[in-house]
PDB file of N, CA and C in Angstrom:
ATOM      1  N   MET A   1      84.338 113.991 107.185  1.00  0.00           N
ATOM      2  CA  MET A   1      83.937 112.831 106.425  1.00  0.00           C
ATOM      3  C   MET A   1      82.669 112.279 107.054  1.00  0.00           C
ATOM      4  N   PRO A   2      81.587 112.161 106.299  1.00  0.00           N
ATOM      5  CA  PRO A   2      80.353 111.616 106.854  1.00  0.00           C
ATOM      6  C   PRO A   2      80.518 110.159 107.292  1.00  0.00           C
ATOM      7  N   GLU A   3      79.762 109.790 108.283  1.00  0.00           N
ATOM      8  CA  GLU A   3      79.722 108.402 108.731  1.00  0.00           C
ATOM      9  C   GLU A   3      78.386 107.833 108.283  1.00  0.00           C
ATOM     10  N   HIS A   4      78.366 106.573 107.871  1.00  0.00           N
ATOM     11  CA  HIS A   4      77.137 105.996 107.339  1.00  0.00           C
ATOM     12  C   HIS A   4      76.851 104.645 107.982  1.00  0.00           C
ATOM     13  N   PHE A   5      75.575 104.401 108.222  1.00  0.00           N
ATOM     14  CA  PHE A   5      75.119 103.093 108.668  1.00  0.00           C
ATOM     15  C   PHE A   5      73.742 102.899 108.073  1.00  0.00           C
ATOM     16  N   MET A   6      73.536 101.837 107.347  1.00  0.00           N
ATOM     17  CA  MET A   6      72.236 101.547 106.773  1.00  0.00           C
ATOM     18  C   MET A   6      71.988 100.064 106.806  1.00  0.00           C
ATOM     19  N   THR A   7      70.769  99.702 107.157  1.00  0.00           N
ATOM     20  CA  THR A   7      70.432  98.288 107.144  1.00  0.00           C
ATOM     21  C   THR A   7      69.589  97.960 105.918  1.00  0.00           C
ATOM     22  N   PHE A   8      68.617  98.782 105.597  1.00  0.00           N
ATOM     23  CA  PHE A   8      67.750  98.597 104.435  1.00  0.00           C
ATOM     24  C   PHE A   8      67.222  99.948 104.006  1.00  0.00           C
ATOM     25  N   HIS A   9      66.717  99.988 102.818  1.00  0.00           N
ATOM     26  CA  HIS A   9      66.022 101.178 102.346  1.00  0.00           C
ATOM     27  C   HIS A   9      64.585 100.765 102.055  1.00  0.00           C
ATOM     28  N   CYS A  10      63.649 101.510 102.587  1.00  0.00           N
ATOM     29  CA  CYS A  10      62.247 101.168 102.345  1.00  0.00           C
ATOM     30  C   CYS A  10      61.599 102.257 101.496  1.00  0.00           C
ATOM     31  N   THR A  11      60.479 101.954 100.941  1.00  0.00           N
ATOM     32  CA  THR A  11      59.679 102.958 100.256  1.00  0.00           C
ATOM     33  C   THR A  11      58.974 103.766 101.333  1.00  0.00           C
ATOM     34  N   PRO A  12      59.195 105.088 101.394  1.00  0.00           N
ATOM     35  CA  PRO A  12      58.593 105.889 102.471  1.00  0.00           C
ATOM     36  C   PRO A  12      57.079 105.700 102.571  1.00  0.00           C
ATOM     37  N   CYS A  13      56.619 105.552 103.794  1.00  0.00           N
ATOM     38  CA  CYS A  13      55.195 105.386 104.049  1.00  0.00           C
ATOM     39  C   CYS A  13      54.796 106.265 105.238  1.00  0.00           C
ATOM     40  N   ALA A  14      53.538 106.243 105.604  1.00  0.00           N
ATOM     41  CA  ALA A  14      53.050 107.074 106.709  1.00  0.00           C
ATOM     42  C   ALA A  14      53.651 106.676 108.048  1.00  0.00           C
ATOM     43  N   SER A  15      54.160 105.475 108.166  1.00  0.00           N
ATOM     44  CA  SER A  15      54.759 105.020 109.423  1.00  0.00           C
ATOM     45  C   SER A  15      56.232 105.409 109.556  1.00  0.00           C
ATOM     46  N   CYS A  16      56.859 105.810 108.470  1.00  0.00           N
ATOM     47  CA  CYS A  16      58.277 106.174 108.511  1.00  0.00           C
ATOM     48  C   CYS A  16      58.494 107.384 109.414  1.00  0.00           C
ATOM     49  N   ARG A  17      59.576 107.352 110.158  1.00  0.00           N
ATOM     50  CA  ARG A  17      59.940 108.443 111.059  1.00  0.00           C
ATOM     51  C   ARG A  17      61.371 108.866 110.783  1.00  0.00           C
ATOM     52  N   ASP A  18      61.562 110.153 110.530  1.00  0.00           N
ATOM     53  CA  ASP A  18      62.889 110.726 110.353  1.00  0.00           C
ATOM     54  C   ASP A  18      63.129 111.723 111.473  1.00  0.00           C
ATOM     55  N   GLU A  19      64.351 111.801 111.906  1.00  0.00           N
ATOM     56  CA  GLU A  19      64.724 112.765 112.924  1.00  0.00           C
ATOM     57  C   GLU A  19      66.099 113.310 112.566  1.00  0.00           C
ATOM     58  N   SER A  20      66.216 114.628 112.564  1.00  0.00           N
ATOM     59  CA  SER A  20      67.468 115.295 112.240  1.00  0.00           C
ATOM     60  C   SER A  20      67.790 116.309 113.320  1.00  0.00           C
ATOM     61  N   TRP A  21      69.064 116.467 113.599  1.00  0.00           N
ATOM     62  CA  TRP A  21      69.454 117.488 114.562  1.00  0.00           C
ATOM     63  C   TRP A  21      70.897 117.893 114.349  1.00  0.00           C
ATOM     64  N   GLN A  22      71.226 119.036 114.949  1.00  0.00           N
ATOM     65  CA  GLN A  22      72.590 119.553 114.969  1.00  0.00           C
ATOM     66  C   GLN A  22      72.963 119.792 116.420  1.00  0.00           C
ATOM     67  N   ARG A  23      74.262 119.773 116.688  1.00  0.00           N
ATOM     68  CA  ARG A  23      74.747 120.101 118.026  1.00  0.00           C
ATOM     69  C   ARG A  23      76.203 120.525 117.912  1.00  0.00           C
ATOM     70  N   ILE A  24      76.707 121.103 118.981  1.00  0.00           N
ATOM     71  CA  ILE A  24      78.105 121.499 119.038  1.00  0.00           C
ATOM     72  C   ILE A  24      78.824 120.493 119.922  1.00  0.00           C
ATOM     73  N   VAL A  25      79.866 119.891 119.391  1.00  0.00           N
ATOM     74  CA  VAL A  25      80.670 118.900 120.118  1.00  0.00           C
ATOM     75  C   VAL A  25      82.123 119.360 120.051  1.00  0.00           C
ATOM     76  N   ASP A  26      82.708 119.606 121.203  1.00  0.00           N
ATOM     77  CA  ASP A  26      84.110 120.041 121.260  1.00  0.00           C
ATOM     78  C   ASP A  26      84.382 121.230 120.349  1.00  0.00           C
ATOM     79  N   GLY A  27      83.447 122.186 120.325  1.00  0.00           N
ATOM     80  CA  GLY A  27      83.634 123.390 119.524  1.00  0.00           C
ATOM     81  C   GLY A  27      83.445 123.201 118.035  1.00  0.00           C
ATOM     82  N   ARG A  28      82.894 122.058 117.634  1.00  0.00           N
ATOM     83  CA  ARG A  28      82.668 121.766 116.220  1.00  0.00           C
ATOM     84  C   ARG A  28      81.200 121.474 115.972  1.00  0.00           C
ATOM     85  N   LEU A  29      80.744 121.783 114.756  1.00  0.00           N
ATOM     86  CA  LEU A  29      79.362 121.521 114.368  1.00  0.00           C
ATOM     87  C   LEU A  29      79.207 120.058 113.987  1.00  0.00           C
ATOM     88  N   ARG A  30      78.223 119.400 114.570  1.00  0.00           N
ATOM     89  CA  ARG A  30      77.934 117.984 114.309  1.00  0.00           C
ATOM     90  C   ARG A  30      76.471 117.869 113.900  1.00  0.00           C
ATOM     91  N   TRP A  31      76.181 117.048 112.894  1.00  0.00           N
ATOM     92  CA  TRP A  31      74.795 116.799 112.489  1.00  0.00           C
ATOM     93  C   TRP A  31      74.534 115.301 112.480  1.00  0.00           C
ATOM     94  N   GLU A  32      73.272 114.960 112.709  1.00  0.00           N
ATOM     95  CA  GLU A  32      72.838 113.554 112.757  1.00  0.00           C
ATOM     96  C   GLU A  32      71.481 113.433 112.067  1.00  0.00           C
ATOM     97  N   TRP A  33      71.241 112.276 111.465  1.00  0.00           N
ATOM     98  CA  TRP A  33      69.945 111.954 110.863  1.00  0.00           C
ATOM     99  C   TRP A  33      69.663 110.490 111.150  1.00  0.00           C
ATOM    100  N   GLN A  34      68.432 110.210 111.555  1.00  0.00           N
ATOM    101  CA  GLN A  34      68.008 108.832 111.778  1.00  0.00           C
ATOM    102  C   GLN A  34      66.658 108.602 111.104  1.00  0.00           C
ATOM    103  N   HIS A  35      66.497 107.401 110.581  1.00  0.00           N
ATOM    104  CA  HIS A  35      65.247 106.998 109.935  1.00  0.00           C
ATOM    105  C   HIS A  35      64.856 105.632 110.491  1.00  0.00           C
ATOM    106  N   TYR A  36      63.560 105.479 110.764  1.00  0.00           N
ATOM    107  CA  TYR A  36      63.069 104.187 111.241  1.00  0.00           C
ATOM    108  C   TYR A  36      61.670 103.967 110.675  1.00  0.00           C
ATOM    109  N   CYS A  37      61.423 102.752 110.207  1.00  0.00           N
ATOM    110  CA  CYS A  37      60.090 102.378 109.730  1.00  0.00           C
ATOM    111  C   CYS A  37      59.656 101.114 110.464  1.00  0.00           C
ATOM    112  N   PRO A  38      58.662 101.230 111.375  1.00  0.00           N
ATOM    113  CA  PRO A  38      58.212 100.055 112.098  1.00  0.00           C
ATOM    114  C   PRO A  38      57.482  99.041 111.212  1.00  0.00           C
ATOM    115  N   VAL A  39      56.947  99.483 110.078  1.00  0.00           N
ATOM    116  CA  VAL A  39      56.225  98.581 109.185  1.00  0.00           C
ATOM    117  C   VAL A  39      57.198  97.657 108.465  1.00  0.00           C
ATOM    118  N   SER A  40      58.208  98.234 107.851  1.00  0.00           N
ATOM    119  CA  SER A  40      59.159  97.413 107.109  1.00  0.00           C
ATOM    120  C   SER A  40      60.360  96.996 107.951  1.00  0.00           C
ATOM    121  N   LYS A  41      60.376  97.438 109.205  1.00  0.00           N
ATOM    122  CA  LYS A  41      61.466  97.087 110.130  1.00  0.00           C
ATOM    123  C   LYS A  41      62.835  97.502 109.581  1.00  0.00           C
ATOM    124  N   THR A  42      62.882  98.711 109.004  1.00  0.00           N
ATOM    125  CA  THR A  42      64.139  99.219 108.477  1.00  0.00           C
ATOM    126  C   THR A  42      64.612 100.395 109.318  1.00  0.00           C
ATOM    127  N   GLN A  43      65.914 100.592 109.293  1.00  0.00           N
ATOM    128  CA  GLN A  43      66.480 101.750 109.962  1.00  0.00           C
ATOM    129  C   GLN A  43      67.709 102.204 109.198  1.00  0.00           C
ATOM    130  N   ALA A  44      68.007 103.477 109.332  1.00  0.00           N
ATOM    131  CA  ALA A  44      69.190 104.037 108.695  1.00  0.00           C
ATOM    132  C   ALA A  44      69.605 105.250 109.506  1.00  0.00           C
ATOM    133  N   CYS A  45      70.886 105.563 109.457  1.00  0.00           N
ATOM    134  CA  CYS A  45      71.353 106.774 110.113  1.00  0.00           C
ATOM    135  C   CYS A  45      72.541 107.316 109.348  1.00  0.00           C
ATOM    136  N   ASP A  46      72.794 108.583 109.552  1.00  0.00           N
ATOM    137  CA  ASP A  46      73.897 109.255 108.898  1.00  0.00           C
ATOM    138  C   ASP A  46      74.325 110.385 109.817  1.00  0.00           C
ATOM    139  N   GLY A  47      75.520 110.836 109.680  1.00  0.00           N
ATOM    140  CA  GLY A  47      76.008 111.930 110.498  1.00  0.00           C
ATOM    141  C   GLY A  47      77.338 112.416 109.979  1.00  0.00           C
ATOM    142  N   GLY A  48      77.721 113.580 110.432  1.00  0.00           N
ATOM    143  CA  GLY A  48      78.996 114.117 109.998  1.00  0.00           C
ATOM    144  C   GLY A  48      79.346 115.384 110.734  1.00  0.00           C
ATOM    145  N   TRP A  49      80.522 115.877 110.456  1.00  0.00           N
ATOM    146  CA  TRP A  49      81.038 117.108 111.038  1.00  0.00           C
ATOM    147  C   TRP A  49      80.903 118.228 110.029  1.00  0.00           C
ATOM    148  N   GLY A  50      80.660 119.435 110.494  1.00  0.00           N
ATOM    149  CA  GLY A  50      80.563 120.591 109.612  1.00  0.00           C
ATOM    150  C   GLY A  50      79.121 120.838 109.203  1.00  0.00           C
ATOM    151  N   PRO A  51      78.937 121.550 108.101  1.00  0.00           N
ATOM    152  CA  PRO A  51      77.580 121.852 107.654  1.00  0.00           C
ATOM    153  C   PRO A  51      76.792 120.573 107.374  1.00  0.00           C
ATOM    154  N   ALA A  52      75.532 120.592 107.752  1.00  0.00           N
ATOM    155  CA  ALA A  52      74.666 119.428 107.561  1.00  0.00           C
ATOM    156  C   ALA A  52      74.340 119.237 106.089  1.00  0.00           C
ATOM    157  N   ALA A  53      74.050 117.995 105.736  1.00  0.00           N
ATOM    158  CA  ALA A  53      73.521 117.705 104.407  1.00  0.00           C
ATOM    159  C   ALA A  53      72.266 118.572 104.216  1.00  0.00           C
ATOM    160  N   GLU A  54      72.009 119.004 102.996  1.00  0.00           N
ATOM    161  CA  GLU A  54      70.922 119.953 102.735  1.00  0.00           C
ATOM    162  C   GLU A  54      69.565 119.469 103.245  1.00  0.00           C
ATOM    163  N   ASP A  55      69.230 118.192 103.024  1.00  0.00           N
ATOM    164  CA  ASP A  55      67.931 117.703 103.495  1.00  0.00           C
ATOM    165  C   ASP A  55      67.856 117.683 105.024  1.00  0.00           C
ATOM    166  N   VAL A  56      68.962 117.401 105.670  1.00  0.00           N
ATOM    167  CA  VAL A  56      68.994 117.420 107.134  1.00  0.00           C
ATOM    168  C   VAL A  56      68.816 118.854 107.632  1.00  0.00           C
ATOM    169  N   ARG A  57      69.541 119.777 107.027  1.00  0.00           N
ATOM    170  CA  ARG A  57      69.442 121.184 107.441  1.00  0.00           C
ATOM    171  C   ARG A  57      68.021 121.704 107.217  1.00  0.00           C
ATOM    172  N   GLU A  58      67.382 121.317 106.106  1.00  0.00           N
ATOM    173  CA  GLU A  58      66.001 121.741 105.836  1.00  0.00           C
ATOM    174  C   GLU A  58      65.055 121.255 106.929  1.00  0.00           C
ATOM    175  N   GLU A  59      65.244 120.027 107.408  1.00  0.00           N
ATOM    176  CA  GLU A  59      64.399 119.516 108.495  1.00  0.00           C
ATOM    177  C   GLU A  59      64.619 120.299 109.787  1.00  0.00           C
ATOM    178  N   VAL A  60      65.876 120.614 110.085  1.00  0.00           N
ATOM    179  CA  VAL A  60      66.192 121.391 111.284  1.00  0.00           C
ATOM    180  C   VAL A  60      65.573 122.784 111.177  1.00  0.00           C
ATOM    181  N   VAL A  61      65.702 123.420 110.027  1.00  0.00           N
ATOM    182  CA  VAL A  61      65.135 124.754 109.811  1.00  0.00           C
ATOM    183  C   VAL A  61      63.614 124.721 109.939  1.00  0.00           C
ATOM    184  N   ALA A  62      62.967 123.707 109.370  1.00  0.00           N
ATOM    185  CA  ALA A  62      61.508 123.593 109.457  1.00  0.00           C
ATOM    186  C   ALA A  62      61.049 123.472 110.906  1.00  0.00           C
ATOM    187  N   ARG A  63      61.815 122.784 111.722  1.00  0.00           N
ATOM    188  CA  ARG A  63      61.436 122.562 113.119  1.00  0.00           C
ATOM    189  C   ARG A  63      61.845 123.728 114.026  1.00  0.00           C
ATOM    190  N   GLU A  64      63.044 124.291 113.819  1.00  0.00           N
ATOM    191  CA  GLU A  64      63.598 125.265 114.760  1.00  0.00           C
ATOM    192  C   GLU A  64      63.677 126.692 114.232  1.00  0.00           C
ATOM    193  N   GLY A  65      63.498 126.865 112.916  1.00  0.00           N
ATOM    194  CA  GLY A  65      63.605 128.201 112.340  1.00  0.00           C
ATOM    195  C   GLY A  65      65.051 128.609 112.141  1.00  0.00           C
ATOM    196  N   THR A  66      65.229 129.886 111.789  1.00  0.00           N
ATOM    197  CA  THR A  66      66.570 130.408 111.569  1.00  0.00           C
ATOM    198  C   THR A  66      66.772 131.693 112.346  1.00  0.00           C
ATOM    199  N   VAL A  67      68.028 132.071 112.455  1.00  0.00           N
ATOM    200  CA  VAL A  67      68.438 133.314 113.089  1.00  0.00           C
ATOM    201  C   VAL A  67      69.249 134.072 112.042  1.00  0.00           C
ATOM    202  N   ARG A  68      68.864 135.307 111.759  1.00  0.00           N
ATOM    203  CA  ARG A  68      69.630 136.102 110.786  1.00  0.00           C
ATOM    204  C   ARG A  68      70.809 136.743 111.510  1.00  0.00           C
ATOM    205  N   LEU A  69      72.007 136.446 111.029  1.00  0.00           N
ATOM    206  CA  LEU A  69      73.226 136.987 111.614  1.00  0.00           C
ATOM    207  C   LEU A  69      73.823 138.043 110.703  1.00  0.00           C
ATOM    208  N   GLU A  70      74.221 139.158 111.287  1.00  0.00           N
ATOM    209  CA  GLU A  70      74.961 140.168 110.555  1.00  0.00           C
ATOM    210  C   GLU A  70      76.359 139.612 110.290  1.00  0.00           C
ATOM    211  N   VAL A  71      76.881 139.881 109.123  1.00  0.00           N
ATOM    212  CA  VAL A  71      78.189 139.350 108.734  1.00  0.00           C
ATOM    213  C   VAL A  71      79.137 140.501 108.454  1.00  0.00           C
ATOM    214  N   GLY A  72      80.315 140.445 109.054  1.00  0.00           N
ATOM    215  CA  GLY A  72      81.326 141.479 108.877  1.00  0.00           C
ATOM    216  C   GLY A  72      81.003 142.716 109.700  1.00  0.00           C
ATOM    217  N   GLY A  73      81.857 143.681 109.626  1.00  0.00           N
ATOM    218  CA  GLY A  73      81.667 144.918 110.380  1.00  0.00           C
ATOM    219  C   GLY A  73      81.965 144.717 111.858  1.00  0.00           C
ATOM    220  N   PRO A  74      81.797 145.786 112.642  1.00  0.00           N
ATOM    221  CA  PRO A  74      82.186 145.720 114.053  1.00  0.00           C
ATOM    222  C   PRO A  74      81.318 144.797 114.913  1.00  0.00           C
ATOM    223  N   HIS A  75      80.075 144.552 114.515  1.00  0.00           N
ATOM    224  CA  HIS A  75      79.180 143.734 115.337  1.00  0.00           C
ATOM    225  C   HIS A  75      78.768 142.424 114.670  1.00  0.00           C
ATOM    226  N   GLY A  76      79.302 142.165 113.496  1.00  0.00           N
ATOM    227  CA  GLY A  76      78.907 140.980 112.748  1.00  0.00           C
ATOM    228  C   GLY A  76      79.843 139.809 112.944  1.00  0.00           C
ATOM    229  N   ILE A  77      79.407 138.680 112.429  1.00  0.00           N
ATOM    230  CA  ILE A  77      80.216 137.467 112.444  1.00  0.00           C
ATOM    231  C   ILE A  77      81.413 137.691 111.518  1.00  0.00           C
ATOM    232  N   PRO A  78      82.631 137.398 111.956  1.00  0.00           N
ATOM    233  CA  PRO A  78      83.785 137.564 111.075  1.00  0.00           C
ATOM    234  C   PRO A  78      83.677 136.684 109.819  1.00  0.00           C
ATOM    235  N   LEU A  79      84.155 137.215 108.713  1.00  0.00           N
ATOM    236  CA  LEU A  79      84.040 136.515 107.433  1.00  0.00           C
ATOM    237  C   LEU A  79      84.784 135.187 107.412  1.00  0.00           C
ATOM    238  N   LYS A  80      86.005 135.159 107.893  1.00  0.00           N
ATOM    239  CA  LYS A  80      86.810 133.937 107.797  1.00  0.00           C
ATOM    240  C   LYS A  80      86.186 132.765 108.556  1.00  0.00           C
ATOM    241  N   PRO A  81      85.795 132.927 109.840  1.00  0.00           N
ATOM    242  CA  PRO A  81      85.159 131.790 110.529  1.00  0.00           C
ATOM    243  C   PRO A  81      83.847 131.361 109.872  1.00  0.00           C
ATOM    244  N   LEU A  82      83.062 132.326 109.381  1.00  0.00           N
ATOM    245  CA  LEU A  82      81.803 131.970 108.710  1.00  0.00           C
ATOM    246  C   LEU A  82      82.099 131.111 107.482  1.00  0.00           C
ATOM    247  N   ARG A  83      83.049 131.542 106.677  1.00  0.00           N
ATOM    248  CA  ARG A  83      83.372 130.783 105.464  1.00  0.00           C
ATOM    249  C   ARG A  83      83.903 129.395 105.813  1.00  0.00           C
ATOM    250  N   GLU A  84      84.781 129.314 106.815  1.00  0.00           N
ATOM    251  CA  GLU A  84      85.381 128.028 107.178  1.00  0.00           C
ATOM    252  C   GLU A  84      84.381 127.094 107.851  1.00  0.00           C
ATOM    253  N   LEU A  85      83.621 127.606 108.825  1.00  0.00           N
ATOM    254  CA  LEU A  85      82.697 126.744 109.573  1.00  0.00           C
ATOM    255  C   LEU A  85      81.517 126.275 108.729  1.00  0.00           C
ATOM    256  N   MET A  86      81.051 127.127 107.819  1.00  0.00           N
ATOM    257  CA  MET A  86      79.864 126.784 107.039  1.00  0.00           C
ATOM    258  C   MET A  86      80.199 126.379 105.601  1.00  0.00           C
ATOM    259  N   ALA A  87      81.485 126.285 105.277  1.00  0.00           N
ATOM    260  CA  ALA A  87      81.943 125.855 103.950  1.00  0.00           C
ATOM    261  C   ALA A  87      81.277 126.653 102.827  1.00  0.00           C
ATOM    262  N   LEU A  88      81.280 127.973 102.968  1.00  0.00           N
ATOM    263  CA  LEU A  88      80.654 128.838 101.971  1.00  0.00           C
ATOM    264  C   LEU A  88      81.612 129.108 100.822  1.00  0.00           C
ATOM    265  N   SER A  89      81.058 129.179  99.627  1.00  0.00           N
ATOM    266  CA  SER A  89      81.837 129.611  98.464  1.00  0.00           C
ATOM    267  C   SER A  89      81.988 131.131  98.554  1.00  0.00           C
ATOM    268  N   LEU A  90      82.860 131.701  97.742  1.00  0.00           N
ATOM    269  CA  LEU A  90      83.020 133.160  97.746  1.00  0.00           C
ATOM    270  C   LEU A  90      81.720 133.886  97.381  1.00  0.00           C
ATOM    271  N   PRO A  91      80.981 133.441  96.345  1.00  0.00           N
ATOM    272  CA  PRO A  91      79.708 134.118  96.056  1.00  0.00           C
ATOM    273  C   PRO A  91      78.711 134.013  97.228  1.00  0.00           C
ATOM    274  N   GLU A  92      78.672 132.867  97.911  1.00  0.00           N
ATOM    275  CA  GLU A  92      77.785 132.725  99.072  1.00  0.00           C
ATOM    276  C   GLU A  92      78.221 133.654 100.201  1.00  0.00           C
ATOM    277  N   LEU A  93      79.526 133.810 100.372  1.00  0.00           N
ATOM    278  CA  LEU A  93      80.048 134.710 101.401  1.00  0.00           C
ATOM    279  C   LEU A  93      79.712 136.163 101.079  1.00  0.00           C
ATOM    280  N   VAL A  94      79.836 136.547  99.824  1.00  0.00           N
ATOM    281  CA  VAL A  94      79.470 137.911  99.412  1.00  0.00           C
ATOM    282  C   VAL A  94      77.982 138.148  99.671  1.00  0.00           C
ATOM    283  N   HIS A  95      77.153 137.178  99.341  1.00  0.00           N
ATOM    284  CA  HIS A  95      75.708 137.302  99.595  1.00  0.00           C
ATOM    285  C   HIS A  95      75.438 137.448 101.096  1.00  0.00           C
ATOM    286  N   ALA A  96      76.114 136.647 101.907  1.00  0.00           N
ATOM    287  CA  ALA A  96      75.934 136.727 103.361  1.00  0.00           C
ATOM    288  C   ALA A  96      76.395 138.078 103.895  1.00  0.00           C
ATOM    289  N   ARG A  97      77.466 138.610 103.350  1.00  0.00           N
ATOM    290  CA  ARG A  97      77.984 139.911 103.789  1.00  0.00           C
ATOM    291  C   ARG A  97      76.974 141.011 103.495  1.00  0.00           C
ATOM    292  N   THR A  98      76.307 140.889 102.363  1.00  0.00           N
ATOM    293  CA  THR A  98      75.342 141.907 101.935  1.00  0.00           C
ATOM    294  C   THR A  98      73.982 141.748 102.619  1.00  0.00           C
ATOM    295  N   HIS A  99      73.508 140.502 102.762  1.00  0.00           N
ATOM    296  CA  HIS A  99      72.142 140.257 103.222  1.00  0.00           C
ATOM    297  C   HIS A  99      72.041 139.595 104.596  1.00  0.00           C
ATOM    298  N   GLY A 100      73.154 139.217 105.188  1.00  0.00           N
ATOM    299  CA  GLY A 100      73.133 138.473 106.441  1.00  0.00           C
ATOM    300  C   GLY A 100      73.133 136.978 106.151  1.00  0.00           C
ATOM    301  N   PHE A 101      73.353 136.208 107.199  1.00  0.00           N
ATOM    302  CA  PHE A 101      73.389 134.749 107.056  1.00  0.00           C
ATOM    303  C   PHE A 101      72.272 134.142 107.880  1.00  0.00           C
ATOM    304  N   GLU A 102      71.460 133.298 107.238  1.00  0.00           N
ATOM    305  CA  GLU A 102      70.364 132.601 107.914  1.00  0.00           C
ATOM    306  C   GLU A 102      70.915 131.318 108.528  1.00  0.00           C
ATOM    307  N   ALA A 103      71.148 131.348 109.830  1.00  0.00           N
ATOM    308  CA  ALA A 103      71.737 130.212 110.544  1.00  0.00           C
ATOM    309  C   ALA A 103      70.670 129.487 111.347  1.00  0.00           C
ATOM    310  N   THR A 104      70.858 128.194 111.533  1.00  0.00           N
ATOM    311  CA  THR A 104      70.017 127.479 112.488  1.00  0.00           C
ATOM    312  C   THR A 104      70.436 127.958 113.885  1.00  0.00           C
ATOM    313  N   PRO A 105      69.617 127.742 114.909  1.00  0.00           N
ATOM    314  CA  PRO A 105      70.019 128.166 116.253  1.00  0.00           C
ATOM    315  C   PRO A 105      71.368 127.589 116.695  1.00  0.00           C
ATOM    316  N   VAL A 106      71.657 126.335 116.359  1.00  0.00           N
ATOM    317  CA  VAL A 106      72.935 125.728 116.746  1.00  0.00           C
ATOM    318  C   VAL A 106      74.087 126.381 115.964  1.00  0.00           C
ATOM    319  N   GLU A 107      73.892 126.581 114.666  1.00  0.00           N
ATOM    320  CA  GLU A 107      74.920 127.256 113.875  1.00  0.00           C
ATOM    321  C   GLU A 107      75.186 128.662 114.414  1.00  0.00           C
ATOM    322  N   ALA A 108      74.107 129.377 114.775  1.00  0.00           N
ATOM    323  CA  ALA A 108      74.250 130.730 115.310  1.00  0.00           C
ATOM    324  C   ALA A 108      75.038 130.722 116.617  1.00  0.00           C
ATOM    325  N   ALA A 109      74.775 129.764 117.486  1.00  0.00           N
ATOM    326  CA  ALA A 109      75.516 129.679 118.749  1.00  0.00           C
ATOM    327  C   ALA A 109      77.002 129.448 118.491  1.00  0.00           C
ATOM    328  N   LEU A 110      77.306 128.567 117.552  1.00  0.00           N
ATOM    329  CA  LEU A 110      78.708 128.303 117.230  1.00  0.00           C
ATOM    330  C   LEU A 110      79.379 129.518 116.614  1.00  0.00           C
ATOM    331  N   LEU A 111      78.709 130.163 115.656  1.00  0.00           N
ATOM    332  CA  LEU A 111      79.276 131.327 114.998  1.00  0.00           C
ATOM    333  C   LEU A 111      79.418 132.502 115.956  1.00  0.00           C
ATOM    334  N   ARG A 112      78.473 132.691 116.844  1.00  0.00           N
ATOM    335  CA  ARG A 112      78.586 133.782 117.818  1.00  0.00           C
ATOM    336  C   ARG A 112      79.765 133.541 118.761  1.00  0.00           C
ATOM    337  N   GLY A 113      80.116 132.302 118.981  1.00  0.00           N
ATOM    338  CA  GLY A 113      81.269 131.985 119.796  1.00  0.00           C
ATOM    339  C   GLY A 113      82.574 132.434 119.161  1.00  0.00           C
ATOM    340  N   THR A 114      82.564 132.710 117.851  1.00  0.00           N
ATOM    341  CA  THR A 114      83.782 133.169 117.174  1.00  0.00           C
ATOM    342  C   THR A 114      84.016 134.652 117.421  1.00  0.00           C
ATOM    343  N   LEU A 115      83.032 135.347 117.990  1.00  0.00           N
ATOM    344  CA  LEU A 115      83.186 136.781 118.252  1.00  0.00           C
ATOM    345  C   LEU A 115      84.096 137.058 119.438  1.00  0.00           C
ATOM    346  N   GLY A 116      84.111 136.099 120.388  1.00  0.00           N
ATOM    347  CA  GLY A 116      84.787 136.283 121.664  1.00  0.00           C
ATOM    348  C   GLY A 116      86.235 136.432 121.541  1.00  0.00           C
TER     349      GLY A 116
END
């Protein structure tokens, strides 16, 4: 369940600052987003467990890139943990099995931990 805190919403300007990140906490994927505008003196934050909101994940990918993970087979990420940890639909899982999964570095670290 996402957690929310917002004080105001401003019209984005050149002074607005957004920061997004992912991390592993107690073996679970955690994401955070913060926004601050010194001009309008507004701030907002959001966060949650599991896969990041799409806009947050896009910011993380833009900054950190992705890691292509093999899915299934003897050396790939197991299908069940991938589907559960990343909340993939069956068609998304089939696509990942065929083409690999583009994970953020944090997602890749968590998923690789399922191999052990």
